[in-house]
């Protein structure tokens, strides 16, 4: 059974306000579509071009307006991927864009506004992290598979807005919970979406997810200056 929680990233990318002024800028980029650099990491391998990895992630796409820029698997998972009956990743990151949004010229000040719109449209709520950890396993009605909860919002960089979330990949399995860090990233006034995923294993996994996410997202930003 493959996990489909990448879909949460796609749903947010595809979500926008009915009022254009609430989401986009009034300015347009001189160059609509730009190239993005994918940096090299010691702990992860960028492998979207790999046939099995590309097939896995492309099958999860819900619209041709989404474009996957890169996928980073930890080195161990990447080394074992061909021997797995089912590709079941954790500790990985994905970068995507909505091709229809690339024409809009955005600044770092737009990120919080965009995220507020997305939260409102999806009905996503904020929950205290200690309360979330207390209830996420004991109360099967607390977390729904179609609606993640936000336990922290922060900015590791003025051009990155990150949201630490908990998601339940399967509606009928309450034992598998994933820490998901959702990122809005501004690259040369273009909006890029990043997601980092790690299985929940106590409060330590929340801090680890933040740490790993910030390393990946910040290096991606710096490599595209």
N, C-alpha and C. Protein backbone atom coordinates (compact mmCIF):
# COMPACT_ATOMS: atom_id res chain seq x y z
N UNK A 1 0.85 -1.19 0.00
CA UNK A 1 0.00 0.00 0.00
C UNK A 1 0.89 1.24 0.00
N UNK A 2 0.85 2.01 -1.05
CA UNK A 2 1.67 3.20 -1.13
C UNK A 2 1.01 4.34 -0.40
N UNK A 3 1.82 5.18 0.16
CA UNK A 3 1.30 6.34 0.85
C UNK A 3 1.04 7.45 -0.16
N UNK A 4 -0.03 8.15 0.03
CA UNK A 4 -0.40 9.18 -0.94
C UNK A 4 -0.42 10.56 -0.30
N UNK A 5 0.39 10.79 0.74
CA UNK A 5 0.30 12.08 1.40
C UNK A 5 0.94 13.20 0.60
N UNK A 6 1.63 12.89 -0.48
CA UNK A 6 2.09 13.96 -1.37
C UNK A 6 0.91 14.76 -1.90
N UNK A 7 -0.27 14.15 -1.88
CA UNK A 7 -1.47 14.81 -2.39
C UNK A 7 -1.79 16.07 -1.62
N UNK A 8 -1.38 16.15 -0.35
CA UNK A 8 -1.65 17.35 0.44
C UNK A 8 -0.91 18.55 -0.13
N UNK A 9 0.29 18.33 -0.62
CA UNK A 9 1.03 19.41 -1.26
C UNK A 9 0.33 19.86 -2.52
N UNK A 10 -0.16 18.92 -3.31
CA UNK A 10 -0.85 19.26 -4.55
C UNK A 10 -2.14 20.01 -4.29
N UNK A 11 -2.88 19.61 -3.27
CA UNK A 11 -4.14 20.28 -2.97
C UNK A 11 -3.91 21.73 -2.58
N UNK A 12 -2.86 22.00 -1.82
CA UNK A 12 -2.58 23.36 -1.43
C UNK A 12 -2.07 24.19 -2.59
N UNK A 13 -1.25 23.58 -3.45
CA UNK A 13 -0.76 24.29 -4.62
C UNK A 13 -1.93 24.71 -5.51
N UNK A 14 -2.92 23.86 -5.61
CA UNK A 14 -4.05 24.12 -6.50
C UNK A 14 -5.11 24.99 -5.88
N UNK A 15 -4.91 25.39 -4.63
CA UNK A 15 -5.93 26.15 -3.93
C UNK A 15 -5.65 27.63 -4.01
N UNK A 16 -6.61 28.40 -4.50
CA UNK A 16 -6.44 29.85 -4.52
C UNK A 16 -7.77 30.52 -4.25
N UNK A 17 -7.68 31.77 -3.85
CA UNK A 17 -8.88 32.53 -3.54
C UNK A 17 -9.67 32.82 -4.81
N UNK A 18 -10.96 33.01 -4.63
CA UNK A 18 -11.79 33.40 -5.76
C UNK A 18 -11.48 34.82 -6.19
N UNK A 19 -10.92 35.63 -5.29
CA UNK A 19 -10.55 36.99 -5.61
C UNK A 19 -9.06 37.03 -5.94
N UNK A 20 -8.75 37.39 -7.16
CA UNK A 20 -7.36 37.35 -7.60
C UNK A 20 -6.47 38.23 -6.73
N UNK A 21 -7.00 39.39 -6.28
CA UNK A 21 -6.17 40.30 -5.51
C UNK A 21 -5.82 39.75 -4.13
N UNK A 22 -6.54 38.73 -3.68
CA UNK A 22 -6.25 38.13 -2.38
C UNK A 22 -5.12 37.12 -2.47
N UNK A 23 -4.68 36.79 -3.66
CA UNK A 23 -3.69 35.72 -3.80
C UNK A 23 -2.48 36.17 -4.61
N UNK A 24 -2.73 36.69 -5.79
CA UNK A 24 -1.63 37.04 -6.67
C UNK A 24 -1.20 38.48 -6.49
N UNK A 25 -0.10 38.80 -7.12
CA UNK A 25 0.39 40.17 -7.16
C UNK A 25 -0.29 40.91 -8.31
N UNK A 26 -0.21 42.21 -8.26
CA UNK A 26 -0.71 43.00 -9.38
C UNK A 26 0.36 43.15 -10.46
N UNK A 27 1.57 42.75 -10.14
CA UNK A 27 2.68 42.83 -11.09
C UNK A 27 2.95 41.47 -11.71
N UNK A 28 3.54 41.50 -12.90
CA UNK A 28 3.91 40.26 -13.58
C UNK A 28 5.42 40.20 -13.78
N UNK A 29 5.96 38.98 -13.75
CA UNK A 29 7.39 38.80 -14.00
C UNK A 29 7.72 39.06 -15.46
N UNK A 30 8.88 39.63 -15.69
CA UNK A 30 9.33 39.85 -17.06
C UNK A 30 9.55 38.52 -17.78
N UNK A 31 10.07 37.54 -17.04
CA UNK A 31 10.24 36.19 -17.57
C UNK A 31 9.32 35.27 -16.79
N UNK A 32 8.35 34.67 -17.47
CA UNK A 32 7.35 33.87 -16.76
C UNK A 32 7.93 32.57 -16.22
N UNK A 33 8.64 31.83 -17.05
CA UNK A 33 9.16 30.53 -16.64
C UNK A 33 10.68 30.58 -16.55
N UNK A 34 11.20 30.21 -15.40
CA UNK A 34 12.64 30.23 -15.19
C UNK A 34 13.12 28.82 -14.83
N UNK A 35 14.42 28.61 -14.94
CA UNK A 35 15.01 27.33 -14.55
C UNK A 35 15.38 27.36 -13.08
N UNK A 36 15.33 26.20 -12.44
CA UNK A 36 15.67 26.10 -11.03
C UNK A 36 16.82 25.12 -10.85
N UNK A 37 17.77 25.49 -10.00
CA UNK A 37 18.89 24.61 -9.69
C UNK A 37 18.51 23.67 -8.55
N UNK A 38 18.97 22.44 -8.64
CA UNK A 38 18.73 21.45 -7.59
C UNK A 38 20.07 21.13 -6.93
N UNK A 39 20.28 21.58 -5.71
CA UNK A 39 21.59 21.42 -5.06
C UNK A 39 21.86 19.97 -4.65
N UNK A 40 23.12 19.70 -4.35
CA UNK A 40 23.55 18.39 -3.89
C UNK A 40 23.64 18.38 -2.37
N UNK A 41 23.13 17.31 -1.75
CA UNK A 41 23.19 17.16 -0.30
C UNK A 41 23.95 15.89 0.05
N UNK A 42 24.51 15.87 1.26
CA UNK A 42 25.22 14.68 1.68
C UNK A 42 24.29 13.54 2.06
N UNK A 43 23.14 13.86 2.67
CA UNK A 43 22.26 12.83 3.22
C UNK A 43 21.15 12.41 2.26
N UNK A 44 20.92 13.19 1.20
CA UNK A 44 19.81 12.91 0.31
C UNK A 44 20.29 12.88 -1.15
N UNK A 45 19.57 12.14 -1.96
CA UNK A 45 19.87 12.04 -3.38
C UNK A 45 18.71 12.61 -4.18
N UNK A 46 19.00 13.54 -5.08
CA UNK A 46 17.95 14.06 -5.96
C UNK A 46 17.76 13.05 -7.08
N UNK A 47 16.55 12.53 -7.22
CA UNK A 47 16.37 11.35 -8.09
C UNK A 47 15.06 11.37 -8.87
N UNK A 48 14.52 12.54 -9.13
CA UNK A 48 13.25 12.58 -9.86
C UNK A 48 13.39 11.99 -11.26
N UNK A 49 14.58 12.07 -11.84
CA UNK A 49 14.79 11.53 -13.18
C UNK A 49 14.81 10.00 -13.20
N UNK A 50 14.97 9.38 -12.02
CA UNK A 50 14.95 7.92 -11.96
C UNK A 50 13.57 7.42 -12.35
N UNK A 51 13.53 6.39 -13.18
CA UNK A 51 12.27 5.93 -13.77
C UNK A 51 11.22 5.56 -12.73
N UNK A 52 11.58 4.76 -11.73
CA UNK A 52 10.60 4.31 -10.74
C UNK A 52 10.14 5.45 -9.85
N UNK A 53 11.06 6.33 -9.50
CA UNK A 53 10.70 7.48 -8.66
C UNK A 53 9.79 8.43 -9.42
N UNK A 54 10.14 8.72 -10.67
CA UNK A 54 9.32 9.61 -11.48
C UNK A 54 7.91 9.05 -11.67
N UNK A 55 7.81 7.75 -11.93
CA UNK A 55 6.51 7.12 -12.11
C UNK A 55 5.67 7.24 -10.85
N UNK A 56 6.29 7.00 -9.70
CA UNK A 56 5.58 7.07 -8.42
C UNK A 56 4.98 8.45 -8.20
N UNK A 57 5.78 9.49 -8.38
CA UNK A 57 5.31 10.84 -8.10
C UNK A 57 4.41 11.38 -9.20
N UNK A 58 4.67 11.02 -10.44
CA UNK A 58 3.81 11.50 -11.53
C UNK A 58 2.40 10.92 -11.41
N UNK A 59 2.28 9.70 -10.90
CA UNK A 59 0.96 9.09 -10.75
C UNK A 59 0.11 9.81 -9.70
N UNK A 60 0.75 10.55 -8.81
CA UNK A 60 0.02 11.26 -7.76
C UNK A 60 -0.45 12.64 -8.21
N UNK A 61 0.03 13.11 -9.35
CA UNK A 61 -0.34 14.43 -9.83
C UNK A 61 -1.81 14.45 -10.23
N UNK A 62 -2.52 15.50 -9.79
CA UNK A 62 -3.95 15.59 -10.07
C UNK A 62 -4.27 16.58 -11.18
N UNK A 63 -3.25 17.21 -11.75
CA UNK A 63 -3.48 18.17 -12.83
C UNK A 63 -2.18 18.42 -13.56
N UNK A 64 -2.28 18.70 -14.87
CA UNK A 64 -1.06 18.96 -15.63
C UNK A 64 -0.52 20.36 -15.39
N UNK A 65 -1.20 21.15 -14.57
CA UNK A 65 -0.66 22.47 -14.24
C UNK A 65 0.45 22.38 -13.18
N UNK A 66 0.57 21.22 -12.53
CA UNK A 66 1.63 21.02 -11.55
C UNK A 66 2.88 20.47 -12.24
N UNK A 67 4.02 20.97 -11.83
CA UNK A 67 5.29 20.48 -12.35
C UNK A 67 6.21 20.13 -11.19
N UNK A 68 6.69 18.90 -11.16
CA UNK A 68 7.65 18.49 -10.14
C UNK A 68 9.05 18.92 -10.57
N UNK A 69 9.71 19.66 -9.71
CA UNK A 69 11.07 20.12 -10.01
C UNK A 69 12.11 19.11 -9.57
N UNK A 70 11.90 18.53 -8.40
CA UNK A 70 12.88 17.59 -7.88
C UNK A 70 12.35 16.80 -6.71
N UNK A 71 12.93 15.63 -6.50
CA UNK A 71 12.59 14.75 -5.38
C UNK A 71 13.89 14.32 -4.72
N UNK A 72 13.97 14.50 -3.41
CA UNK A 72 15.14 14.08 -2.65
C UNK A 72 14.76 12.94 -1.72
N UNK A 73 15.35 11.77 -1.93
CA UNK A 73 15.22 10.65 -1.01
C UNK A 73 16.48 10.55 -0.16
N UNK A 74 16.32 10.09 1.09
CA UNK A 74 17.55 9.86 1.85
C UNK A 74 18.34 8.76 1.16
N UNK A 75 19.63 8.78 1.35
CA UNK A 75 20.52 7.90 0.58
C UNK A 75 20.20 6.42 0.79
N UNK A 76 19.81 6.04 2.00
CA UNK A 76 19.51 4.63 2.27
C UNK A 76 18.29 4.19 1.48
N UNK A 77 17.22 4.98 1.53
CA UNK A 77 16.01 4.63 0.79
C UNK A 77 16.29 4.55 -0.70
N UNK A 78 17.06 5.50 -1.21
CA UNK A 78 17.36 5.49 -2.64
C UNK A 78 18.15 4.25 -3.02
N UNK A 79 19.06 3.81 -2.17
CA UNK A 79 19.87 2.63 -2.48
C UNK A 79 19.04 1.35 -2.47
N UNK A 80 17.90 1.35 -1.77
CA UNK A 80 17.07 0.16 -1.63
C UNK A 80 15.81 0.19 -2.49
N UNK A 81 15.58 1.28 -3.21
CA UNK A 81 14.29 1.47 -3.87
C UNK A 81 13.95 0.36 -4.87
N UNK A 82 14.95 -0.18 -5.55
CA UNK A 82 14.67 -1.20 -6.57
C UNK A 82 14.33 -2.56 -5.97
N UNK A 83 14.62 -2.73 -4.68
CA UNK A 83 14.32 -4.01 -4.03
C UNK A 83 13.03 -3.96 -3.23
N UNK A 84 12.37 -2.82 -3.22
CA UNK A 84 11.12 -2.68 -2.47
C UNK A 84 9.95 -3.08 -3.35
N UNK A 85 9.04 -3.89 -2.79
CA UNK A 85 7.84 -4.26 -3.54
C UNK A 85 6.94 -3.06 -3.73
N UNK A 86 6.89 -2.23 -2.72
CA UNK A 86 6.08 -1.02 -2.78
C UNK A 86 6.95 0.15 -2.37
N UNK A 87 6.96 1.19 -3.17
CA UNK A 87 7.72 2.37 -2.82
C UNK A 87 7.01 3.08 -1.67
N UNK A 88 7.62 3.07 -0.52
CA UNK A 88 7.00 3.61 0.68
C UNK A 88 8.02 4.51 1.36
N UNK A 89 8.07 5.77 0.94
CA UNK A 89 9.15 6.64 1.35
C UNK A 89 8.85 7.37 2.66
N UNK A 90 9.90 7.69 3.38
CA UNK A 90 9.85 8.69 4.45
C UNK A 90 11.21 9.34 4.52
N UNK A 91 11.28 10.47 5.20
CA UNK A 91 12.49 11.28 5.20
C UNK A 91 12.83 11.67 3.77
N UNK A 92 11.93 12.40 3.13
CA UNK A 92 12.17 12.84 1.76
C UNK A 92 11.57 14.22 1.54
N UNK A 93 11.97 14.86 0.46
CA UNK A 93 11.50 16.20 0.14
C UNK A 93 11.11 16.28 -1.32
N UNK A 94 10.14 17.14 -1.61
CA UNK A 94 9.64 17.34 -2.97
C UNK A 94 9.54 18.83 -3.24
N UNK A 95 9.92 19.24 -4.44
CA UNK A 95 9.76 20.63 -4.88
C UNK A 95 8.84 20.64 -6.10
N UNK A 96 7.88 21.56 -6.09
CA UNK A 96 6.92 21.67 -7.19
C UNK A 96 6.59 23.13 -7.47
N UNK A 97 6.02 23.35 -8.64
CA UNK A 97 5.44 24.66 -8.96
C UNK A 97 4.06 24.45 -9.57
N UNK A 98 3.25 25.48 -9.47
CA UNK A 98 2.03 25.57 -10.25
C UNK A 98 2.37 26.43 -11.46
N UNK A 99 2.36 25.85 -12.64
CA UNK A 99 2.80 26.56 -13.84
C UNK A 99 1.96 27.80 -14.11
N UNK A 100 0.71 27.79 -13.69
CA UNK A 100 -0.17 28.93 -13.93
C UNK A 100 0.16 30.13 -13.05
N UNK A 101 0.95 29.91 -12.00
CA UNK A 101 1.28 31.00 -11.07
C UNK A 101 2.60 31.69 -11.39
N UNK A 102 3.36 31.15 -12.31
CA UNK A 102 4.71 31.65 -12.51
C UNK A 102 4.78 33.05 -13.12
N UNK A 103 3.70 33.50 -13.70
CA UNK A 103 3.71 34.83 -14.31
C UNK A 103 3.63 35.94 -13.27
N UNK A 104 3.16 35.61 -12.06
CA UNK A 104 2.93 36.64 -11.06
C UNK A 104 4.20 36.97 -10.29
N UNK A 105 4.49 38.25 -10.16
CA UNK A 105 5.68 38.72 -9.46
C UNK A 105 5.35 38.89 -7.98
N UNK A 106 5.98 38.08 -7.15
CA UNK A 106 5.70 38.09 -5.72
C UNK A 106 6.92 38.51 -4.93
N UNK A 107 6.68 38.95 -3.69
CA UNK A 107 7.76 39.29 -2.77
C UNK A 107 7.59 38.47 -1.50
N UNK A 108 8.61 38.53 -0.63
CA UNK A 108 8.53 37.79 0.62
C UNK A 108 7.35 38.18 1.48
N UNK A 109 6.89 39.42 1.33
CA UNK A 109 5.74 39.88 2.11
C UNK A 109 4.44 39.21 1.67
N UNK A 110 4.42 38.61 0.49
CA UNK A 110 3.20 37.96 0.00
C UNK A 110 2.99 36.56 0.57
N UNK A 111 4.03 35.95 1.12
CA UNK A 111 3.95 34.55 1.51
C UNK A 111 2.91 34.29 2.60
N UNK A 112 2.89 35.13 3.63
CA UNK A 112 1.93 34.93 4.71
C UNK A 112 0.50 35.12 4.21
N UNK A 113 0.31 36.08 3.34
CA UNK A 113 -1.03 36.31 2.78
C UNK A 113 -1.49 35.10 1.97
N UNK A 114 -0.61 34.57 1.15
CA UNK A 114 -0.95 33.40 0.34
C UNK A 114 -1.29 32.21 1.23
N UNK A 115 -0.49 32.01 2.28
CA UNK A 115 -0.74 30.88 3.18
C UNK A 115 -2.06 31.03 3.91
N UNK A 116 -2.40 32.24 4.31
CA UNK A 116 -3.69 32.47 4.99
C UNK A 116 -4.85 32.12 4.07
N UNK A 117 -4.73 32.48 2.81
CA UNK A 117 -5.78 32.15 1.84
C UNK A 117 -5.91 30.64 1.70
N UNK A 118 -4.78 29.96 1.60
CA UNK A 118 -4.81 28.50 1.45
C UNK A 118 -5.43 27.83 2.67
N UNK A 119 -5.08 28.30 3.86
CA UNK A 119 -5.64 27.73 5.08
C UNK A 119 -7.15 27.93 5.13
N UNK A 120 -7.59 29.10 4.75
CA UNK A 120 -9.02 29.38 4.77
C UNK A 120 -9.78 28.51 3.79
N UNK A 121 -9.23 28.34 2.60
CA UNK A 121 -9.93 27.56 1.57
C UNK A 121 -9.98 26.07 1.92
N UNK A 122 -8.97 25.57 2.64
CA UNK A 122 -8.94 24.15 2.99
C UNK A 122 -9.48 23.87 4.38
N UNK A 123 -9.78 24.92 5.14
CA UNK A 123 -10.29 24.72 6.49
C UNK A 123 -9.25 24.20 7.46
N UNK A 124 -7.98 24.45 7.18
CA UNK A 124 -6.91 23.97 8.04
C UNK A 124 -6.84 24.82 9.31
N UNK A 125 -6.64 24.16 10.46
CA UNK A 125 -6.60 24.87 11.73
C UNK A 125 -5.25 24.68 12.41
N UNK A 126 -4.95 25.59 13.35
CA UNK A 126 -3.75 25.49 14.17
C UNK A 126 -4.08 24.83 15.49
N UNK A 127 -3.20 23.94 15.94
CA UNK A 127 -3.37 23.24 17.21
C UNK A 127 -2.04 23.26 17.96
N UNK A 128 -2.09 23.47 19.28
CA UNK A 128 -0.89 23.43 20.10
C UNK A 128 -0.20 22.07 19.96
N UNK A 129 1.12 22.08 19.87
CA UNK A 129 1.84 20.84 19.58
C UNK A 129 1.68 19.80 20.68
N UNK A 130 1.68 20.23 21.95
CA UNK A 130 1.53 19.26 23.03
C UNK A 130 0.14 18.64 23.04
N UNK A 131 -0.87 19.47 22.75
CA UNK A 131 -2.23 18.94 22.65
C UNK A 131 -2.33 17.97 21.48
N UNK A 132 -1.70 18.33 20.37
CA UNK A 132 -1.74 17.47 19.19
C UNK A 132 -1.09 16.12 19.47
N UNK A 133 0.08 16.13 20.10
CA UNK A 133 0.77 14.88 20.40
C UNK A 133 -0.01 14.03 21.38
N UNK A 134 -0.74 14.67 22.27
CA UNK A 134 -1.53 13.94 23.27
C UNK A 134 -2.72 13.24 22.63
N UNK A 135 -3.33 13.91 21.64
CA UNK A 135 -4.58 13.41 21.08
C UNK A 135 -4.43 12.61 19.79
N UNK A 136 -3.31 12.78 19.10
CA UNK A 136 -3.21 12.27 17.73
C UNK A 136 -3.37 10.75 17.66
N UNK A 137 -2.95 10.04 18.69
CA UNK A 137 -3.12 8.59 18.70
C UNK A 137 -4.29 8.13 19.56
N UNK A 138 -4.59 8.87 20.63
CA UNK A 138 -5.62 8.43 21.57
C UNK A 138 -7.03 8.75 21.11
N UNK A 139 -7.18 9.80 20.29
CA UNK A 139 -8.50 10.22 19.82
C UNK A 139 -8.56 10.04 18.31
N UNK A 140 -9.26 9.03 17.85
CA UNK A 140 -9.29 8.72 16.41
C UNK A 140 -10.07 9.74 15.60
N UNK A 141 -10.79 10.64 16.28
CA UNK A 141 -11.55 11.69 15.57
C UNK A 141 -10.77 13.00 15.50
N UNK A 142 -9.61 13.05 16.11
CA UNK A 142 -8.86 14.30 16.21
C UNK A 142 -8.26 14.72 14.87
N UNK A 143 -7.66 13.78 14.17
CA UNK A 143 -6.97 14.07 12.91
C UNK A 143 -7.64 13.31 11.78
N UNK A 144 -8.03 14.04 10.73
CA UNK A 144 -8.71 13.43 9.60
C UNK A 144 -7.76 13.30 8.41
N UNK A 145 -7.92 12.25 7.64
CA UNK A 145 -6.99 11.99 6.54
C UNK A 145 -7.01 13.08 5.48
N UNK A 146 -8.16 13.75 5.33
CA UNK A 146 -8.26 14.77 4.28
C UNK A 146 -7.92 16.17 4.79
N UNK A 147 -7.59 16.31 6.08
CA UNK A 147 -7.36 17.65 6.62
C UNK A 147 -6.22 17.62 7.64
N UNK A 148 -5.02 18.04 7.25
CA UNK A 148 -3.91 18.12 8.20
C UNK A 148 -4.18 19.21 9.25
N UNK A 149 -3.39 19.20 10.32
CA UNK A 149 -3.43 20.29 11.29
C UNK A 149 -2.06 20.96 11.32
N UNK A 150 -2.06 22.25 11.60
CA UNK A 150 -0.83 23.03 11.69
C UNK A 150 -0.45 23.16 13.16
N UNK A 151 0.77 22.83 13.50
CA UNK A 151 1.20 22.99 14.88
C UNK A 151 2.25 24.08 15.05
N UNK A 152 2.76 24.60 13.95
CA UNK A 152 3.68 25.73 14.04
C UNK A 152 3.86 26.36 12.67
N UNK A 153 3.90 27.69 12.65
CA UNK A 153 4.24 28.44 11.45
C UNK A 153 5.49 29.26 11.75
N UNK A 154 6.43 29.29 10.83
CA UNK A 154 7.66 30.03 11.08
C UNK A 154 8.34 30.36 9.76
N UNK A 155 9.34 31.25 9.81
CA UNK A 155 10.07 31.65 8.62
C UNK A 155 11.57 31.41 8.84
N UNK A 156 12.12 30.32 8.29
CA UNK A 156 13.56 30.09 8.41
C UNK A 156 14.38 31.08 7.60
N UNK A 157 13.72 31.79 6.70
CA UNK A 157 14.36 32.79 5.86
C UNK A 157 13.27 33.77 5.44
N UNK A 158 13.65 34.99 5.13
CA UNK A 158 12.64 35.98 4.75
C UNK A 158 11.89 35.59 3.48
N UNK A 159 12.47 34.68 2.69
CA UNK A 159 11.83 34.23 1.45
C UNK A 159 11.29 32.80 1.54
N UNK A 160 11.15 32.30 2.77
CA UNK A 160 10.56 30.98 2.99
C UNK A 160 9.56 31.07 4.13
N UNK A 161 8.35 30.59 3.90
CA UNK A 161 7.38 30.43 4.98
C UNK A 161 7.13 28.94 5.15
N UNK A 162 7.29 28.44 6.37
CA UNK A 162 7.16 27.01 6.64
C UNK A 162 6.05 26.76 7.64
N UNK A 163 5.34 25.66 7.45
CA UNK A 163 4.28 25.26 8.36
C UNK A 163 4.50 23.81 8.75
N UNK A 164 4.68 23.56 10.05
CA UNK A 164 4.86 22.21 10.57
C UNK A 164 3.49 21.60 10.80
N UNK A 165 3.23 20.47 10.14
CA UNK A 165 1.90 19.87 10.17
C UNK A 165 1.97 18.40 10.57
N UNK A 166 0.82 17.88 10.98
CA UNK A 166 0.63 16.45 11.16
C UNK A 166 -0.44 16.00 10.17
N UNK A 167 -0.19 14.89 9.49
CA UNK A 167 -1.16 14.36 8.54
C UNK A 167 -1.34 12.86 8.79
N UNK A 168 -2.53 12.39 8.46
CA UNK A 168 -2.84 10.96 8.55
C UNK A 168 -3.01 10.44 7.14
N UNK A 169 -2.06 9.64 6.64
CA UNK A 169 -2.10 9.20 5.24
C UNK A 169 -3.31 8.33 4.90
N UNK A 170 -3.77 7.52 5.86
CA UNK A 170 -4.85 6.57 5.59
C UNK A 170 -6.02 6.84 6.51
N UNK A 171 -7.20 6.95 5.96
CA UNK A 171 -8.37 7.25 6.78
C UNK A 171 -8.71 6.13 7.75
N UNK A 172 -8.31 4.90 7.43
CA UNK A 172 -8.67 3.75 8.25
C UNK A 172 -7.50 3.21 9.06
N UNK A 173 -6.40 3.94 9.13
CA UNK A 173 -5.25 3.51 9.92
C UNK A 173 -4.82 4.67 10.81
N UNK A 174 -5.10 4.54 12.11
CA UNK A 174 -4.83 5.62 13.05
C UNK A 174 -3.45 5.52 13.68
N UNK A 175 -2.68 4.52 13.30
CA UNK A 175 -1.37 4.33 13.90
C UNK A 175 -0.25 4.98 13.10
N UNK A 176 -0.53 5.33 11.86
CA UNK A 176 0.50 5.94 11.01
C UNK A 176 0.22 7.44 10.89
N UNK A 177 1.08 8.23 11.47
CA UNK A 177 0.98 9.68 11.42
C UNK A 177 2.29 10.22 10.85
N UNK A 178 2.20 11.23 10.02
CA UNK A 178 3.38 11.78 9.36
C UNK A 178 3.56 13.25 9.73
N UNK A 179 4.80 13.61 10.01
CA UNK A 179 5.15 15.02 10.17
C UNK A 179 5.45 15.57 8.78
N UNK A 180 4.78 16.65 8.46
CA UNK A 180 4.87 17.22 7.11
C UNK A 180 5.18 18.71 7.25
N UNK A 181 6.29 19.15 6.69
CA UNK A 181 6.61 20.58 6.70
C UNK A 181 6.33 21.14 5.31
N UNK A 182 5.38 22.04 5.26
CA UNK A 182 4.94 22.64 4.00
C UNK A 182 5.62 23.99 3.86
N UNK A 183 6.15 24.28 2.67
CA UNK A 183 6.95 25.49 2.47
C UNK A 183 6.49 26.28 1.25
N UNK A 184 6.38 27.58 1.42
CA UNK A 184 6.25 28.52 0.32
C UNK A 184 7.61 29.19 0.16
N UNK A 185 8.18 29.09 -1.03
CA UNK A 185 9.53 29.58 -1.26
C UNK A 185 9.51 30.57 -2.41
N UNK A 186 10.19 31.68 -2.22
CA UNK A 186 10.25 32.69 -3.26
C UNK A 186 11.62 32.67 -3.92
N UNK A 187 11.63 32.35 -5.22
CA UNK A 187 12.86 32.30 -6.00
C UNK A 187 12.75 33.32 -7.13
N UNK A 188 13.52 34.39 -7.04
CA UNK A 188 13.50 35.42 -8.09
C UNK A 188 12.07 35.84 -8.42
N UNK A 189 11.30 36.10 -7.37
CA UNK A 189 9.90 36.57 -7.46
C UNK A 189 8.94 35.52 -7.99
N UNK A 190 9.37 34.27 -8.11
CA UNK A 190 8.52 33.16 -8.53
C UNK A 190 8.22 32.26 -7.33
N UNK A 191 7.00 31.75 -7.26
CA UNK A 191 6.58 30.93 -6.13
C UNK A 191 6.88 29.46 -6.38
N UNK A 192 7.58 28.84 -5.43
CA UNK A 192 7.90 27.42 -5.46
C UNK A 192 7.36 26.79 -4.18
N UNK A 193 6.87 25.55 -4.30
CA UNK A 193 6.35 24.83 -3.14
C UNK A 193 7.31 23.70 -2.78
N UNK A 194 7.58 23.57 -1.50
CA UNK A 194 8.42 22.48 -1.03
C UNK A 194 7.74 21.73 0.09
N UNK A 195 7.95 20.43 0.14
CA UNK A 195 7.39 19.62 1.22
C UNK A 195 8.43 18.65 1.73
N UNK A 196 8.51 18.52 3.06
CA UNK A 196 9.41 17.54 3.67
C UNK A 196 8.57 16.61 4.54
N UNK A 197 8.85 15.30 4.49
CA UNK A 197 8.02 14.28 5.14
C UNK A 197 8.86 13.37 6.02
N UNK A 198 8.35 13.12 7.24
CA UNK A 198 9.03 12.24 8.18
C UNK A 198 7.97 11.58 9.07
N UNK A 199 8.10 10.29 9.30
CA UNK A 199 7.14 9.61 10.17
C UNK A 199 7.21 10.17 11.58
N UNK A 200 6.03 10.34 12.20
CA UNK A 200 5.97 10.84 13.57
C UNK A 200 6.46 9.78 14.54
N UNK A 201 7.38 10.20 15.41
CA UNK A 201 7.89 9.31 16.45
C UNK A 201 8.25 10.15 17.67
N UNK A 202 7.20 10.69 18.31
CA UNK A 202 7.41 11.53 19.47
C UNK A 202 7.80 12.95 19.11
N UNK A 203 7.98 13.76 20.15
CA UNK A 203 8.28 15.17 19.94
C UNK A 203 9.62 15.37 19.25
N UNK A 204 10.53 14.39 19.43
CA UNK A 204 11.84 14.51 18.79
C UNK A 204 11.73 14.55 17.27
N UNK A 205 10.75 13.83 16.72
CA UNK A 205 10.60 13.81 15.26
C UNK A 205 10.11 15.16 14.74
N UNK A 206 9.39 15.92 15.57
CA UNK A 206 8.97 17.26 15.15
C UNK A 206 10.19 18.16 14.98
N UNK A 207 11.08 18.11 15.96
CA UNK A 207 12.28 18.94 15.88
C UNK A 207 13.20 18.48 14.76
N UNK A 208 13.29 17.16 14.57
CA UNK A 208 14.12 16.65 13.48
C UNK A 208 13.57 17.08 12.13
N UNK A 209 12.24 17.01 11.98
CA UNK A 209 11.62 17.41 10.72
C UNK A 209 11.90 18.87 10.42
N UNK A 210 11.78 19.72 11.43
CA UNK A 210 12.09 21.14 11.24
C UNK A 210 13.55 21.33 10.83
N UNK A 211 14.44 20.66 11.53
CA UNK A 211 15.87 20.80 11.25
C UNK A 211 16.21 20.35 9.84
N UNK A 212 15.73 19.16 9.45
CA UNK A 212 16.03 18.64 8.11
C UNK A 212 15.38 19.51 7.04
N UNK A 213 14.15 19.90 7.28
CA UNK A 213 13.44 20.76 6.32
C UNK A 213 14.20 22.06 6.09
N UNK A 214 14.62 22.69 7.17
CA UNK A 214 15.27 23.99 7.04
C UNK A 214 16.59 23.88 6.29
N UNK A 215 17.30 22.78 6.49
CA UNK A 215 18.55 22.56 5.75
C UNK A 215 18.27 22.47 4.25
N UNK A 216 17.29 21.65 3.90
CA UNK A 216 16.99 21.42 2.48
C UNK A 216 16.44 22.67 1.82
N UNK A 217 15.44 23.30 2.45
CA UNK A 217 14.79 24.45 1.84
C UNK A 217 15.73 25.64 1.72
N UNK A 218 16.54 25.86 2.75
CA UNK A 218 17.47 26.99 2.72
C UNK A 218 18.54 26.80 1.65
N UNK A 219 19.05 25.58 1.53
CA UNK A 219 20.07 25.33 0.51
C UNK A 219 19.48 25.45 -0.89
N UNK A 220 18.23 25.00 -1.05
CA UNK A 220 17.57 25.17 -2.35
C UNK A 220 17.44 26.65 -2.69
N UNK A 221 17.05 27.44 -1.71
CA UNK A 221 16.92 28.88 -1.93
C UNK A 221 18.27 29.49 -2.29
N UNK A 222 19.29 29.17 -1.53
CA UNK A 222 20.61 29.76 -1.76
C UNK A 222 21.19 29.36 -3.12
N UNK A 223 20.89 28.15 -3.57
CA UNK A 223 21.43 27.70 -4.86
C UNK A 223 20.73 28.34 -6.04
N UNK A 224 19.64 29.05 -5.77
CA UNK A 224 18.89 29.69 -6.85
C UNK A 224 18.92 31.22 -6.77
N UNK A 225 19.87 31.76 -6.03
CA UNK A 225 20.00 33.21 -5.96
C UNK A 225 20.62 33.75 -7.25
